[in-house]
C-alpha atoms as a PDB file:
ATOM      1  CA  MET A   1       0.210   0.337   0.464  1.00  0.00           C
ATOM      2  CA  THR A   2       1.726   3.337  -0.439  1.00  0.00           C
ATOM      3  CA  ALA A   3       1.616   6.826   1.688  1.00  0.00           C
ATOM      4  CA  THR A   4      -1.152   7.739  -0.308  1.00  0.00           C
ATOM      5  CA  GLU A   5      -3.721   5.710  -0.308  1.00  0.00           C
ATOM      6  CA  THR A   6      -2.779   4.679   3.484  1.00  0.00           C
ATOM      7  CA  ARG A   7      -3.554   8.443   4.069  1.00  0.00           C
ATOM      8  CA  THR A   8      -6.192   8.239   1.959  1.00  0.00           C
ATOM      9  CA  ILE A   9      -8.124   5.227   3.402  1.00  0.00           C
ATOM     10  CA  VAL A  10      -6.905   6.862   7.340  1.00  0.00           C
ATOM     11  CA  LEU A  11      -9.243  10.566   6.288  1.00  0.00           C
ATOM     12  CA  GLN A  12     -11.573   8.608   5.858  1.00  0.00           C
ATOM     13  CA  ALA A  13     -11.921   6.882   8.890  1.00  0.00           C
ATOM     14  CA  ILE A  14     -11.944   9.914  10.951  1.00  0.00           C
ATOM     15  CA  HIS A  15     -14.398  12.032   8.687  1.00  0.00           C
ATOM     16  CA  ARG A  16     -16.866   8.062   9.738  1.00  0.00           C
ATOM     17  CA  VAL A  17     -15.973   9.221  13.021  1.00  0.00           C
ATOM     18  CA  ALA A  18     -16.210  12.750  12.572  1.00  0.00           C
ATOM     19  CA  PRO A  19     -18.673  13.529  10.233  1.00  0.00           C
ATOM     20  CA  ASP A  20     -18.419  16.684  10.961  1.00  0.00           C
ATOM     21  CA  SER A  21     -14.435  17.732   9.935  1.00  0.00           C
ATOM     22  CA  GLU A  22     -12.254  18.315   7.243  1.00  0.00           C
ATOM     23  CA  PRO A  23     -10.239  15.563   7.811  1.00  0.00           C
ATOM     24  CA  GLU A  24      -8.342  16.942   4.745  1.00  0.00           C
ATOM     25  CA  HIS A  25      -7.406  20.557   6.498  1.00  0.00           C
ATOM     26  CA  LEU A  26      -6.288  19.004   9.459  1.00  0.00           C
ATOM     27  CA  ASP A  27      -2.794  20.226  10.541  1.00  0.00           C
ATOM     28  CA  PRO A  28      -0.876  17.094  10.675  1.00  0.00           C
ATOM     29  CA  ASP A  29       0.705  17.207  13.612  1.00  0.00           C
ATOM     30  CA  THR A  30      -1.970  19.289  15.870  1.00  0.00           C
ATOM     31  CA  PRO A  31      -3.788  17.322  18.224  1.00  0.00           C
ATOM     32  CA  PHE A  32      -7.230  15.807  16.278  1.00  0.00           C
ATOM     33  CA  ARG A  33      -8.715  16.777  20.033  1.00  0.00           C
ATOM     34  CA  ASP A  34      -7.314  20.290  19.933  1.00  0.00           C
ATOM     35  CA  GLN A  35      -8.863  20.245  15.695  1.00  0.00           C
ATOM     36  CA  ILE A  36     -12.211  18.864  15.503  1.00  0.00           C
ATOM     37  CA  ASP A  37     -14.702  17.746  18.000  1.00  0.00           C
ATOM     38  CA  PHE A  38     -13.006  14.550  19.394  1.00  0.00           C
ATOM     39  CA  ASP A  39     -13.513  12.871  22.452  1.00  0.00           C
ATOM     40  CA  SER A  40     -12.226   9.348  23.692  1.00  0.00           C
ATOM     41  CA  VAL A  41     -14.826   7.149  22.561  1.00  0.00           C
ATOM     42  CA  ASP A  42     -14.570   8.904  18.830  1.00  0.00           C
ATOM     43  CA  PHE A  43     -11.086   7.953  18.863  1.00  0.00           C
ATOM     44  CA  VAL A  44     -11.086   4.671  20.248  1.00  0.00           C
ATOM     45  CA  ASN A  45     -14.415   3.916  17.385  1.00  0.00           C
ATOM     46  CA  LEU A  46     -11.237   5.807  15.427  1.00  0.00           C
ATOM     47  CA  MET A  47      -8.918   3.078  15.943  1.00  0.00           C
ATOM     48  CA  GLU A  48     -11.217  -0.035  15.574  1.00  0.00           C
ATOM     49  CA  LEU A  49     -11.911   1.229  12.113  1.00  0.00           C
ATOM     50  CA  LEU A  50      -7.940   2.041  11.687  1.00  0.00           C
ATOM     51  CA  GLN A  51      -7.381  -1.767  12.790  1.00  0.00           C
ATOM     52  CA  GLN A  52      -9.890  -2.458  10.109  1.00  0.00           C
ATOM     53  CA  ALA A  53      -8.174  -0.977   7.188  1.00  0.00           C
ATOM     54  CA  PHE A  54      -5.075  -1.792   7.949  1.00  0.00           C
ATOM     55  CA  GLN A  55      -5.936  -5.710   9.118  1.00  0.00           C
ATOM     56  CA  ARG A  56      -3.711  -4.756  12.261  1.00  0.00           C
ATOM     57  CA  ARG A  57      -3.568  -4.742  16.151  1.00  0.00           C
ATOM     58  CA  ILE A  58      -3.581  -1.601  17.277  1.00  0.00           C
ATOM     59  CA  PRO A  59      -2.617  -2.152  21.369  1.00  0.00           C
ATOM     60  CA  GLU A  60      -4.049   1.186  23.623  1.00  0.00           C
ATOM     61  CA  THR A  61      -0.217   0.861  24.635  1.00  0.00           C
ATOM     62  CA  ASP A  62       0.228   2.560  21.456  1.00  0.00           C
ATOM     63  CA  TYR A  63      -2.725   5.664  21.747  1.00  0.00           C
ATOM     64  CA  PRO A  64      -0.537   8.783  22.703  1.00  0.00           C
ATOM     65  CA  ALA A  65       1.414   8.052  19.043  1.00  0.00           C
ATOM     66  CA  LEU A  66      -1.584   7.808  17.652  1.00  0.00           C
ATOM     67  CA  ALA A  67      -2.822  11.781  18.679  1.00  0.00           C
ATOM     68  CA  THR A  68      -2.161  13.318  14.993  1.00  0.00           C
ATOM     69  CA  LEU A  69      -2.841  12.095  11.322  1.00  0.00           C
ATOM     70  CA  ASN A  70       0.512  12.471  10.820  1.00  0.00           C
ATOM     71  CA  GLY A  71       1.336  10.075  14.091  1.00  0.00           C
ATOM     72  CA  ILE A  72      -0.495   7.379  12.526  1.00  0.00           C
ATOM     73  CA  LEU A  73       0.619   7.804   9.051  1.00  0.00           C
ATOM     74  CA  ALA A  74       4.274   7.172  10.749  1.00  0.00           C
ATOM     75  CA  TYR A  75       3.140   4.296  12.971  1.00  0.00           C
ATOM     76  CA  LEU A  76       1.048   2.396   9.861  1.00  0.00           C
ATOM     77  CA  GLY A  77       4.151   3.736   8.131  1.00  0.00           C
END
């Protein structure tokens, strides 16, 4: 999977969790909670979507590294 494909899937997952957001306009280094209405339940839902989409388990201990778009992309890359 290319970096562009990964980014597209992640942005789609963010939009599913936060439908009022505009994921393509997110600052990739700013935590989601500081940019969109994103609570802890939304974050867990995002992690579940990503695990399904990438068929990869994401341990809860890794969640802090995934608080930003760039964090997710680096983790999945």
